[in-house]
Amino acid sequence: MGDDRGMEQHWDMSGKTVVITGGNSGIGLEAAVDLARMGAAVTITARNAQRGATALDEVRRRSGSDQVSLVALDLSSLASVRACAAELLGQLAHLDVLINNAGAVLGERTLTEDGFEATFGGNHLGHHLLTSLLADRLVDSAPARVVVVASLAHRMAWRGLTWDDLDRSGSYRSMEVYAESKLANVLFTRELAGRFIGTGVTANCCHPGPVRTGFGSSEDVHGFEQVMMAVGRPFMVSAARGAEPLVYLAASPDVEGVTGAYFSGGYLPGIRQSTPSRHARDTEAARRLWELSDALVGVDPPG
């Protein structure tokens, strides 16, 4: 497939401030370009300083906007998440849209510096902490939006979350672990939406479609998973197409007031609200995950 865009999206984001995690590559970078073109002041985050600087130049060049900035963020480090949040709060008087986009699939079990299994730690716990630290600024900026990039892969978590082995010390299968982290993203969105009720802040998540990017590269996976990704790559959509659900949920007036929903992009034109898996609709699991995540990352529950 070529470098296609399935739909033209043009909404006025003048005066809006957007933060995109992982905005240095793939769909995060494409969403940054689109939203900056629409007039938003966009802050992208990157783990690697050099790649981040390169992406910053690209977003500015392609969007024609100088309202684009870069903040360092390593979601696998709680200290980095806290430092990023502090920098954002110091720089941004208001925050209209937070896009939790960054994610990874890892071929081998590794631990974060805080001792968490790295896929669950980076894909879920890091974003949980970042969103919690920025929540008050979002509420103060309302109406505001949180967009969470999940995946159709959440349906592969057949048994729900492995509550008794979230650090995967018992067994590790990369795609199974990734699927559970994406299920955690959907559950997180569900609970976040409920906690934001009455504040003017909405939270929705999306599946961007099967996207042809550097995600799941040979640096991340190997063996069978690497072969399957290589075979499937020609049938995937471009990063520009994959960014469309992110931009839609961040900017479209069609979803104003919509919260706690799951949307899908992909091969077909347009963005569609979909029904996530049975496990992703489990209200008790969403509450349990939130409380456990608060405890793991050191967020004090509200009094």
C-alpha atoms as a PDB file:
ATOM      1  CA  MET A   1       0.000   0.000   0.000  1.00  0.00           C
ATOM      2  CA  GLY A   2       1.143   3.543  -0.670  1.00  0.00           C
ATOM      3  CA  ASP A   3       1.499   6.446   1.725  1.00  0.00           C
ATOM      4  CA  ASP A   4      -2.231   6.987   1.816  1.00  0.00           C
ATOM      5  CA  ARG A   5      -4.593   9.133   3.820  1.00  0.00           C
ATOM      6  CA  GLY A   6      -8.110   7.798   4.006  1.00  0.00           C
ATOM      7  CA  MET A   7      -9.770  11.044   5.000  1.00  0.00           C
ATOM      8  CA  GLU A   8      -8.955  14.729   5.036  1.00  0.00           C
ATOM      9  CA  GLN A   9      -9.271  16.182   8.513  1.00  0.00           C
ATOM     10  CA  HIS A  10      -9.359  19.953   8.947  1.00  0.00           C
ATOM     11  CA  TRP A  11     -10.518  21.371  12.245  1.00  0.00           C
ATOM     12  CA  ASP A  12      -9.551  24.644  13.868  1.00  0.00           C
ATOM     13  CA  MET A  13      -7.246  23.969  16.827  1.00  0.00           C
ATOM     14  CA  SER A  14      -6.025  27.554  17.185  1.00  0.00           C
ATOM     15  CA  GLY A  15      -5.336  28.374  20.823  1.00  0.00           C
ATOM     16  CA  LYS A  16      -5.361  24.696  21.829  1.00  0.00           C
ATOM     17  CA  THR A  17      -2.428  23.000  23.552  1.00  0.00           C
ATOM     18  CA  VAL A  18      -1.720  19.333  22.806  1.00  0.00           C
ATOM     19  CA  VAL A  19       0.767  16.889  24.347  1.00  0.00           C
ATOM     20  CA  ILE A  20       1.588  13.678  22.455  1.00  0.00           C
ATOM     21  CA  THR A  21       3.717  10.958  24.037  1.00  0.00           C
ATOM     22  CA  GLY A  22       5.936   9.199  21.530  1.00  0.00           C
ATOM     23  CA  GLY A  23       5.439  12.016  19.061  1.00  0.00           C
ATOM     24  CA  ASN A  24       8.901  11.483  17.613  1.00  0.00           C
ATOM     25  CA  SER A  25       7.916   8.690  15.207  1.00  0.00           C
ATOM     26  CA  GLY A  26       5.090   6.765  13.551  1.00  0.00           C
ATOM     27  CA  ILE A  27       1.494   7.760  14.154  1.00  0.00           C
ATOM     28  CA  GLY A  28       2.479  10.096  16.986  1.00  0.00           C
ATOM     29  CA  LEU A  29       4.631  12.177  14.655  1.00  0.00           C
ATOM     30  CA  GLU A  30       1.933  12.227  11.962  1.00  0.00           C
ATOM     31  CA  ALA A  31      -0.681  13.322  14.507  1.00  0.00           C
ATOM     32  CA  ALA A  32       1.677  16.070  15.690  1.00  0.00           C
ATOM     33  CA  VAL A  33       2.062  17.349  12.119  1.00  0.00           C
ATOM     34  CA  ASP A  34      -1.692  17.340  11.504  1.00  0.00           C
ATOM     35  CA  LEU A  35      -2.615  19.065  14.778  1.00  0.00           C
ATOM     36  CA  ALA A  36       0.125  21.672  14.381  1.00  0.00           C
ATOM     37  CA  ARG A  37      -1.187  22.404  10.865  1.00  0.00           C
ATOM     38  CA  MET A  38      -4.598  23.008  12.436  1.00  0.00           C
ATOM     39  CA  GLY A  39      -3.100  25.684  14.670  1.00  0.00           C
ATOM     40  CA  ALA A  40      -2.502  23.788  17.910  1.00  0.00           C
ATOM     41  CA  ALA A  41       0.570  24.342  20.044  1.00  0.00           C
ATOM     42  CA  VAL A  42       1.985  20.810  20.148  1.00  0.00           C
ATOM     43  CA  THR A  43       4.469  19.290  22.575  1.00  0.00           C
ATOM     44  CA  ILE A  44       5.906  15.922  21.617  1.00  0.00           C
ATOM     45  CA  THR A  45       7.835  13.638  23.934  1.00  0.00           C
ATOM     46  CA  ALA A  46      10.711  11.336  23.091  1.00  0.00           C
ATOM     47  CA  ARG A  47      12.922   8.959  25.025  1.00  0.00           C
ATOM     48  CA  ASN A  48      15.943   9.497  22.778  1.00  0.00           C
ATOM     49  CA  ALA A  49      17.147  13.115  22.660  1.00  0.00           C
ATOM     50  CA  GLN A  50      18.663  12.916  19.171  1.00  0.00           C
ATOM     51  CA  ARG A  51      15.610  11.270  17.630  1.00  0.00           C
ATOM     52  CA  GLY A  52      13.429  13.754  19.433  1.00  0.00           C
ATOM     53  CA  ALA A  53      15.351  16.724  18.032  1.00  0.00           C
ATOM     54  CA  THR A  54      15.143  15.288  14.513  1.00  0.00           C
ATOM     55  CA  ALA A  55      11.397  14.756  14.881  1.00  0.00           C
ATOM     56  CA  LEU A  56      10.924  18.268  16.263  1.00  0.00           C
ATOM     57  CA  ASP A  57      12.544  19.724  13.148  1.00  0.00           C
ATOM     58  CA  GLU A  58      10.407  17.512  10.908  1.00  0.00           C
ATOM     59  CA  VAL A  59       7.118  18.424  12.588  1.00  0.00           C
ATOM     60  CA  ARG A  60       7.939  22.116  12.388  1.00  0.00           C
ATOM     61  CA  ARG A  61       8.990  21.867   8.748  1.00  0.00           C
ATOM     62  CA  ARG A  62       6.042  19.805   7.544  1.00  0.00           C
ATOM     63  CA  SER A  63       3.403  21.685   9.541  1.00  0.00           C
ATOM     64  CA  GLY A  64       4.795  25.144   8.876  1.00  0.00           C
ATOM     65  CA  SER A  65       4.346  25.910  12.580  1.00  0.00           C
ATOM     66  CA  ASP A  66       6.880  27.060  15.134  1.00  0.00           C
ATOM     67  CA  GLN A  67       4.476  26.232  17.955  1.00  0.00           C
ATOM     68  CA  VAL A  68       6.018  22.784  18.412  1.00  0.00           C
ATOM     69  CA  SER A  69       8.222  21.808  21.347  1.00  0.00           C
ATOM     70  CA  LEU A  70       9.947  18.735  22.756  1.00  0.00           C
ATOM     71  CA  VAL A  71      10.101  17.294  26.266  1.00  0.00           C
ATOM     72  CA  ALA A  72      12.085  14.228  27.316  1.00  0.00           C
ATOM     73  CA  LEU A  73      10.077  11.236  28.540  1.00  0.00           C
ATOM     74  CA  ASP A  74      10.960   7.628  29.226  1.00  0.00           C
ATOM     75  CA  LEU A  75       7.714   5.920  30.210  1.00  0.00           C
ATOM     76  CA  SER A  76       9.620   2.975  31.677  1.00  0.00           C
ATOM     77  CA  SER A  77      11.057   5.281  34.361  1.00  0.00           C
ATOM     78  CA  LEU A  78       8.739   6.747  36.987  1.00  0.00           C
ATOM     79  CA  ALA A  79      11.363   9.381  37.761  1.00  0.00           C
ATOM     80  CA  SER A  80      11.356  10.424  34.092  1.00  0.00           C
ATOM     81  CA  VAL A  81       7.551  10.530  34.050  1.00  0.00           C
ATOM     82  CA  ARG A  82       7.511  12.782  37.100  1.00  0.00           C
ATOM     83  CA  ALA A  83      10.194  15.041  35.617  1.00  0.00           C
ATOM     84  CA  CYS A  84       8.265  15.254  32.329  1.00  0.00           C
ATOM     85  CA  ALA A  85       5.030  16.131  34.116  1.00  0.00           C
ATOM     86  CA  ALA A  86       6.786  18.810  36.160  1.00  0.00           C
ATOM     87  CA  GLU A  87       8.280  20.333  32.991  1.00  0.00           C
ATOM     88  CA  LEU A  88       4.930  20.296  31.208  1.00  0.00           C
ATOM     89  CA  LEU A  89       3.156  21.892  34.153  1.00  0.00           C
ATOM     90  CA  GLY A  90       5.838  24.552  34.254  1.00  0.00           C
ATOM     91  CA  GLN A  91       5.570  25.298  30.538  1.00  0.00           C
ATOM     92  CA  LEU A  92       1.861  24.919  29.773  1.00  0.00           C
ATOM     93  CA  ALA A  93      -0.641  27.286  31.325  1.00  0.00           C
ATOM     94  CA  HIS A  94      -3.400  25.053  30.027  1.00  0.00           C
ATOM     95  CA  LEU A  95      -3.658  21.571  28.520  1.00  0.00           C
ATOM     96  CA  ASP A  96      -6.501  20.898  26.127  1.00  0.00           C
ATOM     97  CA  VAL A  97      -5.544  17.469  24.777  1.00  0.00           C
ATOM     98  CA  LEU A  98      -3.302  14.714  26.141  1.00  0.00           C
ATOM     99  CA  ILE A  99      -2.611  11.894  23.670  1.00  0.00           C
ATOM    100  CA  ASN A 100      -1.149   8.804  25.343  1.00  0.00           C
ATOM    101  CA  ASN A 101       0.374   7.260  22.244  1.00  0.00           C
ATOM    102  CA  ALA A 102       3.814   5.778  23.002  1.00  0.00           C
ATOM    103  CA  GLY A 103       4.028   1.994  23.219  1.00  0.00           C
ATOM    104  CA  ALA A 104       6.220  -1.003  22.528  1.00  0.00           C
ATOM    105  CA  VAL A 105       6.188  -4.774  22.122  1.00  0.00           C
ATOM    106  CA  LEU A 106       9.268  -6.519  23.498  1.00  0.00           C
ATOM    107  CA  GLY A 107      10.534  -9.933  22.467  1.00  0.00           C
ATOM    108  CA  GLU A 108      12.112 -10.766  25.821  1.00  0.00           C
ATOM    109  CA  ARG A 109      11.092 -10.164  29.409  1.00  0.00           C
ATOM    110  CA  THR A 110      12.919  -7.208  30.891  1.00  0.00           C
ATOM    111  CA  LEU A 111      12.282  -5.065  33.936  1.00  0.00           C
ATOM    112  CA  THR A 112      12.062  -1.296  34.214  1.00  0.00           C
ATOM    113  CA  GLU A 113      14.342   0.552  36.612  1.00  0.00           C
ATOM    114  CA  ASP A 114      11.427   0.490  39.064  1.00  0.00           C
ATOM    115  CA  GLY A 115      11.137  -3.301  38.826  1.00  0.00           C
ATOM    116  CA  PHE A 116       8.041  -3.636  36.631  1.00  0.00           C
ATOM    117  CA  GLU A 117       7.748  -5.891  33.590  1.00  0.00           C
ATOM    118  CA  ALA A 118       8.724  -3.468  30.837  1.00  0.00           C
ATOM    119  CA  THR A 119       5.765  -3.852  28.446  1.00  0.00           C
ATOM    120  CA  PHE A 120       3.166  -3.377  31.180  1.00  0.00           C
ATOM    121  CA  GLY A 121       5.315  -0.711  32.843  1.00  0.00           C
ATOM    122  CA  GLY A 122       5.859   1.378  29.722  1.00  0.00           C
ATOM    123  CA  ASN A 123       2.579   0.867  27.887  1.00  0.00           C
ATOM    124  CA  HIS A 124       0.319   1.242  30.919  1.00  0.00           C
ATOM    125  CA  LEU A 125       1.891   2.287  34.214  1.00  0.00           C
ATOM    126  CA  GLY A 126       3.914   5.175  32.789  1.00  0.00           C
ATOM    127  CA  HIS A 127       0.846   6.664  31.133  1.00  0.00           C
ATOM    128  CA  HIS A 128      -1.237   6.068  34.251  1.00  0.00           C
ATOM    129  CA  LEU A 129       1.197   8.132  36.294  1.00  0.00           C
ATOM    130  CA  LEU A 130       1.602  10.859  33.672  1.00  0.00           C
ATOM    131  CA  THR A 131      -2.154  11.297  33.292  1.00  0.00           C
ATOM    132  CA  SER A 132      -2.638  11.375  37.057  1.00  0.00           C
ATOM    133  CA  LEU A 133      -0.003  14.091  37.429  1.00  0.00           C
ATOM    134  CA  LEU A 134      -1.569  16.182  34.634  1.00  0.00           C
ATOM    135  CA  ALA A 135      -5.200  15.580  35.630  1.00  0.00           C
ATOM    136  CA  ASP A 136      -5.699  18.828  37.539  1.00  0.00           C
ATOM    137  CA  ARG A 137      -4.336  20.892  34.639  1.00  0.00           C
ATOM    138  CA  LEU A 138      -6.730  19.105  32.278  1.00  0.00           C
ATOM    139  CA  VAL A 139      -9.667  19.848  34.582  1.00  0.00           C
ATOM    140  CA  ASP A 140      -8.619  23.489  34.901  1.00  0.00           C
ATOM    141  CA  SER A 141      -8.496  23.676  31.079  1.00  0.00           C
ATOM    142  CA  ALA A 142     -11.881  22.036  30.487  1.00  0.00           C
ATOM    143  CA  PRO A 143     -13.346  21.264  28.081  1.00  0.00           C
ATOM    144  CA  ALA A 144     -10.334  19.005  27.549  1.00  0.00           C
ATOM    145  CA  ARG A 145      -9.688  15.553  26.133  1.00  0.00           C
ATOM    146  CA  VAL A 146      -7.536  12.507  26.836  1.00  0.00           C
ATOM    147  CA  VAL A 147      -6.890  10.167  23.903  1.00  0.00           C
ATOM    148  CA  VAL A 148      -5.414   6.728  24.585  1.00  0.00           C
ATOM    149  CA  VAL A 149      -3.927   4.643  21.781  1.00  0.00           C
ATOM    150  CA  ALA A 150      -4.976   1.060  22.450  1.00  0.00           C
ATOM    151  CA  SER A 151      -5.131  -1.745  19.889  1.00  0.00           C
ATOM    152  CA  LEU A 152      -7.332  -4.445  18.462  1.00  0.00           C
ATOM    153  CA  ALA A 153      -4.710  -6.696  20.068  1.00  0.00           C
ATOM    154  CA  HIS A 154      -6.507  -6.198  23.391  1.00  0.00           C
ATOM    155  CA  ARG A 155      -8.914  -8.895  22.184  1.00  0.00           C
ATOM    156  CA  MET A 156      -6.037 -11.392  22.276  1.00  0.00           C
ATOM    157  CA  ALA A 157      -6.035 -11.171  26.074  1.00  0.00           C
ATOM    158  CA  TRP A 158      -8.450 -14.104  26.137  1.00  0.00           C
ATOM    159  CA  ARG A 159      -8.476 -14.507  29.917  1.00  0.00           C
ATOM    160  CA  GLY A 160      -8.319 -10.855  30.855  1.00  0.00           C
ATOM    161  CA  LEU A 161      -5.421  -9.546  32.908  1.00  0.00           C
ATOM    162  CA  THR A 162      -3.100 -12.034  34.604  1.00  0.00           C
ATOM    163  CA  TRP A 163      -3.629 -10.495  38.025  1.00  0.00           C
ATOM    164  CA  ASP A 164      -1.436 -12.966  39.887  1.00  0.00           C
ATOM    165  CA  ASP A 165       1.558 -12.527  37.537  1.00  0.00           C
ATOM    166  CA  LEU A 166       1.585  -9.011  36.090  1.00  0.00           C
ATOM    167  CA  ASP A 167       5.391  -8.990  36.218  1.00  0.00           C
ATOM    168  CA  ARG A 168       5.400 -12.169  34.055  1.00  0.00           C
ATOM    169  CA  SER A 169       7.879 -13.993  36.248  1.00  0.00           C
ATOM    170  CA  GLY A 170       6.022 -17.237  35.550  1.00  0.00           C
ATOM    171  CA  SER A 171       5.928 -17.182  31.745  1.00  0.00           C
ATOM    172  CA  TYR A 172       6.573 -14.639  29.005  1.00  0.00           C
ATOM    173  CA  ARG A 173       5.054 -14.608  25.533  1.00  0.00           C
ATOM    174  CA  SER A 174       5.615 -11.238  23.939  1.00  0.00           C
ATOM    175  CA  MET A 175       2.330 -10.863  22.053  1.00  0.00           C
ATOM    176  CA  GLU A 176       0.308 -12.152  24.989  1.00  0.00           C
ATOM    177  CA  VAL A 177       1.971  -9.615  27.275  1.00  0.00           C
ATOM    178  CA  TYR A 178       1.462  -6.853  24.713  1.00  0.00           C
ATOM    179  CA  ALA A 179      -2.211  -7.793  24.361  1.00  0.00           C
ATOM    180  CA  GLU A 180      -2.698  -7.495  28.123  1.00  0.00           C
ATOM    181  CA  SER A 181      -1.009  -4.086  28.150  1.00  0.00           C
ATOM    182  CA  LYS A 182      -3.449  -2.935  25.448  1.00  0.00           C
ATOM    183  CA  LEU A 183      -6.353  -4.351  27.460  1.00  0.00           C
ATOM    184  CA  ALA A 184      -5.022  -2.311  30.363  1.00  0.00           C
ATOM    185  CA  ASN A 185      -5.151   0.783  28.113  1.00  0.00           C
ATOM    186  CA  VAL A 186      -8.847   0.233  27.398  1.00  0.00           C
ATOM    187  CA  LEU A 187      -9.673  -0.463  31.050  1.00  0.00           C
ATOM    188  CA  PHE A 188      -7.694   2.612  32.064  1.00  0.00           C
ATOM    189  CA  THR A 189      -9.708   4.747  29.637  1.00  0.00           C
ATOM    190  CA  ARG A 190     -12.979   3.363  30.965  1.00  0.00           C
ATOM    191  CA  GLU A 191     -12.100   4.170  34.571  1.00  0.00           C
ATOM    192  CA  LEU A 192     -10.567   7.546  33.725  1.00  0.00           C
ATOM    193  CA  ALA A 193     -13.729   8.594  31.898  1.00  0.00           C
ATOM    194  CA  GLY A 194     -15.775   7.735  34.964  1.00  0.00           C
ATOM    195  CA  ARG A 195     -13.501   9.675  37.282  1.00  0.00           C
ATOM    196  CA  PHE A 196     -13.672  12.739  35.013  1.00  0.00           C
ATOM    197  CA  ILE A 197     -17.489  12.807  34.900  1.00  0.00           C
ATOM    198  CA  GLY A 198     -18.741  16.300  35.689  1.00  0.00           C
ATOM    199  CA  THR A 199     -15.360  17.977  35.085  1.00  0.00           C
ATOM    200  CA  GLY A 200     -15.650  18.689  31.361  1.00  0.00           C
ATOM    201  CA  VAL A 201     -12.760  16.321  30.559  1.00  0.00           C
ATOM    202  CA  THR A 202     -13.434  13.339  28.298  1.00  0.00           C
ATOM    203  CA  ALA A 203     -11.364  10.193  27.786  1.00  0.00           C
ATOM    204  CA  ASN A 204     -11.579   7.889  24.769  1.00  0.00           C
ATOM    205  CA  CYS A 205      -9.316   5.243  23.278  1.00  0.00           C
ATOM    206  CA  CYS A 206      -8.732   3.948  19.782  1.00  0.00           C
ATOM    207  CA  HIS A 207      -7.306   1.222  17.600  1.00  0.00           C
ATOM    208  CA  PRO A 208      -5.327   2.998  14.853  1.00  0.00           C
ATOM    209  CA  GLY A 209      -5.436   0.036  12.490  1.00  0.00           C
ATOM    210  CA  PRO A 210      -2.595  -2.246  11.388  1.00  0.00           C
ATOM    211  CA  VAL A 211       0.042   0.410  10.881  1.00  0.00           C
ATOM    212  CA  ARG A 212       3.254   0.059   8.905  1.00  0.00           C
ATOM    213  CA  THR A 213       5.851   1.779  11.122  1.00  0.00           C
ATOM    214  CA  GLY A 214       9.021   0.858  12.996  1.00  0.00           C
ATOM    215  CA  PHE A 215       6.878  -0.597  15.774  1.00  0.00           C
ATOM    216  CA  GLY A 216       7.797  -4.209  16.476  1.00  0.00           C
ATOM    217  CA  SER A 217      11.124  -3.891  14.660  1.00  0.00           C
ATOM    218  CA  SER A 218      13.980  -6.354  14.964  1.00  0.00           C
ATOM    219  CA  GLU A 219      15.248  -4.286  17.889  1.00  0.00           C
ATOM    220  CA  ASP A 220      12.095  -5.173  19.825  1.00  0.00           C
ATOM    221  CA  VAL A 221      10.991  -8.650  18.752  1.00  0.00           C
ATOM    222  CA  HIS A 222      12.558 -11.722  17.209  1.00  0.00           C
ATOM    223  CA  GLY A 223      11.705 -15.227  16.109  1.00  0.00           C
ATOM    224  CA  PHE A 224       8.114 -16.009  15.154  1.00  0.00           C
ATOM    225  CA  GLU A 225       6.763 -12.541  16.036  1.00  0.00           C
ATOM    226  CA  GLN A 226       9.373 -10.858  13.856  1.00  0.00           C
ATOM    227  CA  VAL A 227       8.546 -13.134  10.916  1.00  0.00           C
ATOM    228  CA  MET A 228       4.807 -12.493  11.253  1.00  0.00           C
ATOM    229  CA  MET A 229       5.303  -8.723  11.348  1.00  0.00           C
ATOM    230  CA  ALA A 230       7.546  -8.856   8.275  1.00  0.00           C
ATOM    231  CA  VAL A 231       4.972 -10.927   6.364  1.00  0.00           C
ATOM    232  CA  GLY A 232       2.119  -8.616   7.329  1.00  0.00           C
ATOM    233  CA  ARG A 233       3.898  -5.313   6.725  1.00  0.00           C
ATOM    234  CA  PRO A 234       2.943  -4.957   3.006  1.00  0.00           C
ATOM    235  CA  PHE A 235      -0.745  -5.197   3.964  1.00  0.00           C
ATOM    236  CA  MET A 236      -0.580  -2.534   6.654  1.00  0.00           C
ATOM    237  CA  VAL A 237      -1.707   1.091   6.373  1.00  0.00           C
ATOM    238  CA  SER A 238       0.607   4.081   6.461  1.00  0.00           C
ATOM    239  CA  ALA A 239       1.443   6.009   9.615  1.00  0.00           C
ATOM    240  CA  ALA A 240      -0.482   8.964   8.181  1.00  0.00           C
ATOM    241  CA  ARG A 241      -3.607   6.797   7.907  1.00  0.00           C
ATOM    242  CA  GLY A 242      -3.028   5.320  11.346  1.00  0.00           C
ATOM    243  CA  ALA A 243      -2.844   8.784  12.901  1.00  0.00           C
ATOM    244  CA  GLU A 244      -6.363   9.664  11.776  1.00  0.00           C
ATOM    245  CA  PRO A 245      -8.205   8.246  14.826  1.00  0.00           C
ATOM    246  CA  LEU A 246      -5.861  10.161  17.155  1.00  0.00           C
ATOM    247  CA  VAL A 247      -6.487  13.434  15.352  1.00  0.00           C
ATOM    248  CA  TYR A 248     -10.224  12.776  15.130  1.00  0.00           C
ATOM    249  CA  LEU A 249     -10.562  12.158  18.862  1.00  0.00           C
ATOM    250  CA  ALA A 250      -8.333  15.131  19.655  1.00  0.00           C
ATOM    251  CA  ALA A 251     -10.011  17.687  17.401  1.00  0.00           C
ATOM    252  CA  SER A 252     -13.338  16.680  15.899  1.00  0.00           C
ATOM    253  CA  PRO A 253     -16.495  18.384  17.192  1.00  0.00           C
ATOM    254  CA  ASP A 254     -18.301  15.107  16.446  1.00  0.00           C
ATOM    255  CA  VAL A 255     -16.980  13.593  19.671  1.00  0.00           C
ATOM    256  CA  GLU A 256     -17.455  16.607  21.904  1.00  0.00           C
ATOM    257  CA  GLY A 257     -18.868  15.265  25.161  1.00  0.00           C
ATOM    258  CA  VAL A 258     -18.348  11.620  24.162  1.00  0.00           C
ATOM    259  CA  THR A 259     -16.389   9.744  26.833  1.00  0.00           C
ATOM    260  CA  GLY A 260     -15.372   6.216  27.782  1.00  0.00           C
ATOM    261  CA  ALA A 261     -15.674   4.993  24.186  1.00  0.00           C
ATOM    262  CA  TYR A 262     -13.496   2.852  21.918  1.00  0.00           C
ATOM    263  CA  PHE A 263     -12.956   3.831  18.279  1.00  0.00           C
ATOM    264  CA  SER A 264     -11.359   2.023  15.331  1.00  0.00           C
ATOM    265  CA  GLY A 265      -9.519   3.192  12.232  1.00  0.00           C
ATOM    266  CA  GLY A 266      -7.795   1.108   9.585  1.00  0.00           C
ATOM    267  CA  TYR A 267      -8.522   0.073   6.030  1.00  0.00           C
ATOM    268  CA  LEU A 268     -12.020   1.530   5.702  1.00  0.00           C
ATOM    269  CA  PRO A 269     -12.514   5.292   5.375  1.00  0.00           C
ATOM    270  CA  GLY A 270     -13.679   7.083   8.481  1.00  0.00           C
ATOM    271  CA  ILE A 271     -13.422   6.455  12.208  1.00  0.00           C
ATOM    272  CA  ARG A 272     -15.968   4.143  13.796  1.00  0.00           C
ATOM    273  CA  GLN A 273     -17.050   3.718  17.398  1.00  0.00           C
ATOM    274  CA  SER A 274     -16.700   0.024  18.223  1.00  0.00           C
ATOM    275  CA  THR A 275     -17.401  -2.341  21.074  1.00  0.00           C
ATOM    276  CA  PRO A 276     -14.244  -3.573  22.819  1.00  0.00           C
ATOM    277  CA  SER A 277     -13.845  -7.077  24.207  1.00  0.00           C
ATOM    278  CA  ARG A 278     -15.858  -8.462  27.097  1.00  0.00           C
ATOM    279  CA  HIS A 279     -12.865  -8.144  29.428  1.00  0.00           C
ATOM    280  CA  ALA A 280     -12.385  -4.517  28.356  1.00  0.00           C
ATOM    281  CA  ARG A 281     -15.973  -3.743  29.433  1.00  0.00           C
ATOM    282  CA  ASP A 282     -15.464  -5.129  32.951  1.00  0.00           C
ATOM    283  CA  THR A 283     -16.133  -2.198  35.280  1.00  0.00           C
ATOM    284  CA  GLU A 284     -14.787  -4.008  38.330  1.00  0.00           C
ATOM    285  CA  ALA A 285     -11.563  -4.917  36.511  1.00  0.00           C
ATOM    286  CA  ALA A 286     -11.138  -1.274  35.483  1.00  0.00           C
ATOM    287  CA  ARG A 287     -11.510  -0.113  39.082  1.00  0.00           C
ATOM    288  CA  ARG A 288      -9.181  -2.816  40.365  1.00  0.00           C
ATOM    289  CA  LEU A 289      -6.513  -1.960  37.784  1.00  0.00           C
ATOM    290  CA  TRP A 290      -6.717   1.738  38.633  1.00  0.00           C
ATOM    291  CA  GLU A 291      -6.298   1.170  42.362  1.00  0.00           C
ATOM    292  CA  LEU A 292      -3.463  -1.295  41.821  1.00  0.00           C
ATOM    293  CA  SER A 293      -1.731   1.103  39.414  1.00  0.00           C
ATOM    294  CA  ASP A 294      -2.047   3.972  41.885  1.00  0.00           C
ATOM    295  CA  ALA A 295      -0.330   1.810  44.480  1.00  0.00           C
ATOM    296  CA  LEU A 296       2.427   0.653  42.138  1.00  0.00           C
ATOM    297  CA  VAL A 297       3.373   4.119  40.863  1.00  0.00           C
ATOM    298  CA  GLY A 298       2.933   5.891  44.181  1.00  0.00           C
ATOM    299  CA  VAL A 299      -0.132   8.019  43.498  1.00  0.00           C
ATOM    300  CA  ASP A 300      -2.080   8.851  46.641  1.00  0.00           C
ATOM    301  CA  PRO A 301      -5.795   8.093  46.317  1.00  0.00           C
ATOM    302  CA  PRO A 302      -8.111  11.090  46.725  1.00  0.00           C
ATOM    303  CA  GLY A 303      -9.219  11.812  50.245  1.00  0.00           C
END
